[in-house]
């Protein structure tokens, strides 16, 4: 049984429309969470709103929203005034355009949602919109209001339904030049790049999220279980930090010799094995050439 819908409204493509529901595609329910407690009583602590100047506790009926127009000076906004800001896309996902998916920079991707038809009567129109998108191989862009905020949402087919991913606005992204402009451009040899490329080949794989293991989450569950059963918790010794690599070429060569690189699977296709042999021979030639230079 599907969980309670996060949003209900209408998906609209020109004159074709159908009622839809949105469900969050992610969950943090399985995450281990801790609460703040009183060490003396073992009771859970609760937070209270306190006036930053007087230190007095502020009750619920005294709380309001304000926008800081200058340091320490706020203009108060009433709930009714916020409701007066009506946005056309409050209950409608009106598709405005279709774009190639590879044109959406991944930095803009925010939160994913599953979009499904709301009721049997919506199935036909929903299927028409979904299948038309499959044929065009494009992503729909539309506007949607979630939690009183307008978002751009990218919509694409996913199985029998649709996947909607809210996008960040440009003002929410930092300019990469602030972080990349100071990166120096060192002189590196072609051989170094080729050796690094061979290391990449030995680690080539396919995206398989089922192999992702949250080792920290597993360790937390073990910790809580041991603590709850009264067992002692052994403090692990700190690993020494590895020293900085002095010679980059030596590190690349050592990596190729067996620095944790996985060997190709035995049942790989013959064509891939042949390619691997060619890569190995090329690597040997590169290393031999480097020895001569040394």
Protein backbone atom coordinates (compact mmCIF):
# COMPACT_ATOMS: atom_id res chain seq x y z
CA UNK A 1 0.00 0.00 0.00
CA UNK A 2 1.40 3.38 -1.04
CA UNK A 3 2.11 5.90 1.75
CA UNK A 4 0.09 9.06 2.20
CA UNK A 5 0.46 11.49 -0.72
CA UNK A 6 2.74 14.46 -0.14
CA UNK A 7 0.96 16.63 -2.74
CA UNK A 8 -2.21 16.39 -4.82
CA UNK A 9 -3.06 18.40 -7.90
CA UNK A 10 -3.31 18.33 -11.67
CA UNK A 11 -0.71 17.48 -14.28
CA UNK A 12 -1.42 19.51 -17.40
CA UNK A 13 -0.03 19.26 -20.93
CA UNK A 14 -1.73 21.92 -23.06
CA UNK A 15 -5.44 20.89 -23.03
CA UNK A 16 -4.76 17.40 -21.67
CA UNK A 17 -4.84 17.16 -17.89
CA UNK A 18 -5.24 14.55 -15.17
CA UNK A 19 -5.25 14.49 -11.36
CA UNK A 20 -1.95 13.24 -9.89
CA UNK A 21 -0.33 12.62 -6.54
CA UNK A 22 3.30 13.10 -5.46
CA UNK A 23 5.20 10.85 -3.08
CA UNK A 24 8.71 11.53 -1.79
CA UNK A 25 11.08 9.14 -3.57
CA UNK A 26 13.53 9.11 -0.64
CA UNK A 27 13.21 8.27 3.03
CA UNK A 28 15.36 8.63 6.12
CA UNK A 29 13.17 6.35 8.27
CA UNK A 30 15.87 3.67 8.50
CA UNK A 31 18.56 6.10 9.65
CA UNK A 32 19.77 5.75 13.22
CA UNK A 33 18.78 8.90 15.09
CA UNK A 34 19.75 10.17 18.52
CA UNK A 35 17.80 12.41 20.89
CA UNK A 36 19.19 14.89 23.40
CA UNK A 37 18.62 13.61 26.95
CA UNK A 38 19.27 14.67 30.52
CA UNK A 39 22.25 12.61 31.73
CA UNK A 40 21.01 12.72 35.33
CA UNK A 41 17.38 11.67 34.78
CA UNK A 42 17.57 9.94 31.39
CA UNK A 43 14.62 12.02 30.22
CA UNK A 44 14.43 13.48 26.75
CA UNK A 45 15.08 17.21 26.43
CA UNK A 46 12.74 19.56 24.57
CA UNK A 47 13.61 22.81 22.86
CA UNK A 48 11.94 26.12 23.62
CA UNK A 49 11.92 29.44 21.81
CA UNK A 50 13.69 32.13 23.82
CA UNK A 51 13.78 35.88 23.23
CA UNK A 52 17.35 36.68 22.17
CA UNK A 53 17.37 39.92 24.21
CA UNK A 54 15.30 39.28 27.34
CA UNK A 55 15.94 35.53 27.63
CA UNK A 56 12.21 34.97 28.29
CA UNK A 57 10.51 31.83 26.96
CA UNK A 58 8.16 32.73 24.09
CA UNK A 59 4.80 30.94 23.99
CA UNK A 60 3.21 29.69 20.78
CA UNK A 61 0.70 32.55 20.51
CA UNK A 62 3.58 35.06 20.70
CA UNK A 63 5.56 33.62 17.80
CA UNK A 64 5.55 35.39 14.45
CA UNK A 65 7.58 35.68 11.25
CA UNK A 66 9.80 38.60 10.41
CA UNK A 67 12.23 39.57 7.66
CA UNK A 68 15.43 41.31 8.73
CA UNK A 69 15.67 44.56 6.78
CA UNK A 70 18.74 45.70 8.70
CA UNK A 71 20.74 44.48 11.67
CA UNK A 72 18.26 43.73 14.48
CA UNK A 73 15.33 45.40 12.66
CA UNK A 74 12.53 43.17 11.37
CA UNK A 75 9.37 43.73 9.39
CA UNK A 76 6.67 41.35 10.63
CA UNK A 77 4.73 39.33 8.06
CA UNK A 78 1.29 38.02 9.03
CA UNK A 79 0.10 34.51 7.99
CA UNK A 80 -2.80 36.07 6.09
CA UNK A 81 -0.37 38.22 4.11
CA UNK A 82 1.60 35.14 3.09
CA UNK A 83 -1.61 33.42 1.97
CA UNK A 84 -2.37 36.48 -0.17
CA UNK A 85 0.68 35.70 -2.30
CA UNK A 86 -1.22 33.51 -4.75
CA UNK A 87 0.75 31.53 -7.31
CA UNK A 88 -0.94 30.00 -10.35
CA UNK A 89 0.89 26.70 -9.92
CA UNK A 90 -0.48 26.13 -6.39
CA UNK A 91 -2.38 23.01 -7.42
CA UNK A 92 -1.28 22.54 -11.00
CA UNK A 93 1.83 21.14 -12.66
CA UNK A 94 1.60 22.92 -16.01
CA UNK A 95 4.24 21.58 -18.38
CA UNK A 96 5.92 24.54 -20.06
CA UNK A 97 8.65 22.93 -22.18
CA UNK A 98 10.60 19.77 -22.99
CA UNK A 99 14.39 19.69 -22.94
CA UNK A 100 17.08 17.02 -23.56
CA UNK A 101 17.96 15.41 -20.22
CA UNK A 102 21.71 15.85 -20.78
CA UNK A 103 21.25 19.61 -20.79
CA UNK A 104 20.25 19.65 -17.11
CA UNK A 105 23.40 20.14 -15.07
CA UNK A 106 23.41 17.78 -12.08
CA UNK A 107 24.08 20.65 -9.69
CA UNK A 108 20.49 21.78 -10.25
CA UNK A 109 18.95 18.45 -9.16
CA UNK A 110 17.32 18.70 -5.73
CA UNK A 111 14.60 16.37 -4.38
CA UNK A 112 13.03 13.43 -6.29
CA UNK A 113 9.33 12.54 -6.19
CA UNK A 114 7.22 9.75 -7.63
CA UNK A 115 4.24 11.01 -9.64
CA UNK A 116 1.25 8.69 -10.03
CA UNK A 117 -2.33 9.10 -11.35
CA UNK A 118 -4.88 10.00 -8.68
CA UNK A 119 -7.68 7.50 -9.23
CA UNK A 120 -8.67 5.17 -12.07
CA UNK A 121 -10.29 7.97 -14.08
CA UNK A 122 -6.89 9.62 -14.45
CA UNK A 123 -5.14 6.57 -15.90
CA UNK A 124 -5.81 7.24 -19.60
CA UNK A 125 -4.66 10.85 -19.66
CA UNK A 126 -1.68 9.99 -17.44
CA UNK A 127 -0.62 7.16 -19.77
CA UNK A 128 -0.90 9.42 -22.82
CA UNK A 129 1.39 12.07 -21.28
CA UNK A 130 3.85 9.47 -19.98
CA UNK A 131 4.10 7.50 -23.24
CA UNK A 132 4.41 10.64 -25.36
CA UNK A 133 7.38 11.65 -23.21
CA UNK A 134 8.94 8.21 -23.69
CA UNK A 135 8.68 8.55 -27.47
CA UNK A 136 10.28 12.01 -27.48
CA UNK A 137 13.05 11.05 -25.03
CA UNK A 138 12.90 14.46 -23.39
CA UNK A 139 12.37 15.82 -19.90
CA UNK A 140 9.40 18.05 -19.13
CA UNK A 141 9.90 21.28 -17.19
CA UNK A 142 7.05 22.70 -15.13
CA UNK A 143 6.35 24.77 -12.01
CA UNK A 144 4.96 23.42 -8.75
CA UNK A 145 4.34 24.88 -5.29
CA UNK A 146 5.55 22.76 -2.37
CA UNK A 147 5.54 23.99 1.25
CA UNK A 148 4.52 27.48 0.14
CA UNK A 149 7.49 27.77 -2.22
CA UNK A 150 7.50 27.68 -6.00
CA UNK A 151 9.87 25.19 -7.61
CA UNK A 152 10.85 24.16 -11.09
CA UNK A 153 10.30 20.44 -11.50
CA UNK A 154 11.81 18.17 -14.14
CA UNK A 155 9.52 15.26 -15.08
CA UNK A 156 10.50 12.07 -16.89
CA UNK A 157 9.01 8.58 -17.34
CA UNK A 158 9.95 5.95 -14.77
CA UNK A 159 8.42 2.52 -15.25
CA UNK A 160 4.62 2.84 -15.13
CA UNK A 161 4.81 6.26 -13.54
CA UNK A 162 6.75 9.50 -13.66
CA UNK A 163 9.74 10.80 -11.75
CA UNK A 164 9.64 14.45 -10.79
CA UNK A 165 12.82 16.11 -9.53
CA UNK A 166 12.71 19.63 -8.17
CA UNK A 167 15.47 21.86 -9.48
CA UNK A 168 17.45 24.54 -7.69
CA UNK A 169 17.20 28.10 -8.95
CA UNK A 170 20.40 29.70 -10.27
CA UNK A 171 20.66 31.97 -7.23
CA UNK A 172 20.92 28.85 -5.03
CA UNK A 173 24.14 27.71 -6.71
CA UNK A 174 27.56 29.06 -5.90
CA UNK A 175 29.81 30.13 -8.75
CA UNK A 176 32.43 27.42 -9.28
CA UNK A 177 35.06 30.03 -10.17
CA UNK A 178 35.19 31.01 -6.48
CA UNK A 179 36.63 27.58 -5.73
CA UNK A 180 38.44 26.62 -8.94
CA UNK A 181 40.21 29.80 -10.04
CA UNK A 182 43.10 29.29 -7.60
CA UNK A 183 43.78 25.72 -8.77
CA UNK A 184 47.21 25.70 -10.38
CA UNK A 185 47.95 24.05 -13.73
CA UNK A 186 51.02 21.88 -13.11
CA UNK A 187 53.16 20.35 -15.81
CA UNK A 188 52.37 16.65 -16.05
CA UNK A 189 53.67 14.26 -18.66
CA UNK A 190 51.57 12.33 -21.14
CA UNK A 191 52.88 9.10 -19.64
CA UNK A 192 51.47 10.02 -16.24
CA UNK A 193 48.03 10.64 -17.70
CA UNK A 194 48.17 7.34 -19.63
CA UNK A 195 49.23 5.40 -16.54
CA UNK A 196 46.37 6.97 -14.57
CA UNK A 197 44.05 6.03 -17.43
CA UNK A 198 45.11 2.38 -17.15
CA UNK A 199 44.36 2.45 -13.42
CA UNK A 200 40.89 3.74 -14.27
CA UNK A 201 40.43 0.85 -16.73
CA UNK A 202 41.19 -1.73 -14.03
CA UNK A 203 38.42 -0.22 -11.91
CA UNK A 204 35.85 0.13 -14.72
CA UNK A 205 32.37 -1.04 -13.64
CA UNK A 206 28.65 -0.37 -14.10
CA UNK A 207 26.51 1.73 -11.78
CA UNK A 208 24.90 -0.64 -9.25
CA UNK A 209 23.41 1.11 -6.19
CA UNK A 210 22.65 -2.27 -4.57
CA UNK A 211 26.39 -2.47 -3.83
CA UNK A 212 26.32 0.77 -1.83
CA UNK A 213 26.84 -0.09 1.84
CA UNK A 214 26.43 2.49 4.58
CA UNK A 215 29.14 1.13 6.86
CA UNK A 216 28.77 3.97 9.35
CA UNK A 217 25.03 3.28 9.73
CA UNK A 218 25.77 -0.44 10.27
CA UNK A 219 28.39 0.42 12.89
CA UNK A 220 25.92 2.72 14.68
CA UNK A 221 23.32 -0.06 14.90
CA UNK A 222 25.95 -2.44 16.34
CA UNK A 223 27.03 0.22 18.82
CA UNK A 224 23.47 0.86 20.03
CA UNK A 225 22.74 -2.88 20.29
CA UNK A 226 25.88 -3.55 22.32
CA UNK A 227 25.27 -0.56 24.57
CA UNK A 228 21.65 -1.54 25.19
CA UNK A 229 22.69 -5.08 26.17
CA UNK A 230 25.22 -3.74 28.66
CA UNK A 231 28.34 -4.77 26.75
CA UNK A 232 31.49 -2.68 26.89
CA UNK A 233 32.38 -0.52 23.91
CA UNK A 234 36.01 -0.85 22.86
CA UNK A 235 37.60 2.36 21.68
CA UNK A 236 39.43 1.79 18.36
CA UNK A 237 42.98 3.00 17.92
CA UNK A 238 43.47 5.94 15.64
CA UNK A 239 45.04 5.08 12.30
CA UNK A 240 48.12 7.06 11.44
CA UNK A 241 47.65 9.46 8.59
CA UNK A 242 49.48 8.34 5.46
CA UNK A 243 52.42 10.46 4.47
CA UNK A 244 52.13 12.69 1.42
CA UNK A 245 53.12 11.14 -1.90
CA UNK A 246 56.55 12.45 -2.85
CA UNK A 247 56.88 11.02 -6.35
CA UNK A 248 53.67 10.93 -8.41
CA UNK A 249 55.10 8.68 -11.12
CA UNK A 250 56.25 6.12 -8.53
CA UNK A 251 52.78 6.10 -7.00
CA UNK A 252 51.18 5.52 -10.42
CA UNK A 253 53.56 2.64 -11.18
CA UNK A 254 52.97 1.06 -7.79
CA UNK A 255 49.20 1.31 -8.29
CA UNK A 256 49.48 -0.60 -11.57
CA UNK A 257 51.69 -3.29 -10.01
CA UNK A 258 49.01 -4.22 -7.50
CA UNK A 259 47.91 -1.37 -5.35
CA UNK A 260 44.44 -2.77 -4.76
CA UNK A 261 43.40 -2.87 -8.41
CA UNK A 262 40.82 -5.52 -9.25
CA UNK A 263 41.56 -8.03 -11.96
CA UNK A 264 39.05 -8.47 -14.81
CA UNK A 265 36.41 -11.13 -14.17
CA UNK A 266 37.29 -14.57 -15.57
CA UNK A 267 34.02 -14.86 -17.46
CA UNK A 268 34.37 -11.56 -19.28
CA UNK A 269 33.76 -11.58 -23.02
CA UNK A 270 36.74 -12.48 -25.18
CA UNK A 271 36.79 -9.07 -26.78
CA UNK A 272 37.17 -7.41 -23.39
CA UNK A 273 39.95 -9.81 -22.35
CA UNK A 274 41.83 -9.01 -25.54
CA UNK A 275 41.43 -5.29 -24.83
CA UNK A 276 42.73 -5.87 -21.32
CA UNK A 277 45.80 -7.68 -22.69
CA UNK A 278 46.49 -4.82 -25.07
CA UNK A 279 46.20 -2.36 -22.19
CA UNK A 280 48.56 -4.49 -20.07
CA UNK A 281 51.15 -4.65 -22.85
CA UNK A 282 50.90 -0.90 -23.37
CA UNK A 283 51.37 -0.37 -19.65
CA UNK A 284 54.48 -2.57 -19.67
CA UNK A 285 55.91 -0.54 -22.56
CA UNK A 286 55.22 2.71 -20.72
CA UNK A 287 56.89 1.47 -17.55
CA UNK A 288 59.88 0.15 -19.50
CA UNK A 289 60.21 3.52 -21.20
CA UNK A 290 60.11 5.25 -17.83
CA UNK A 291 62.87 2.95 -16.48
CA UNK A 292 65.10 3.88 -19.41
CA UNK A 293 64.49 7.57 -18.76
CA UNK A 294 65.26 7.06 -15.06
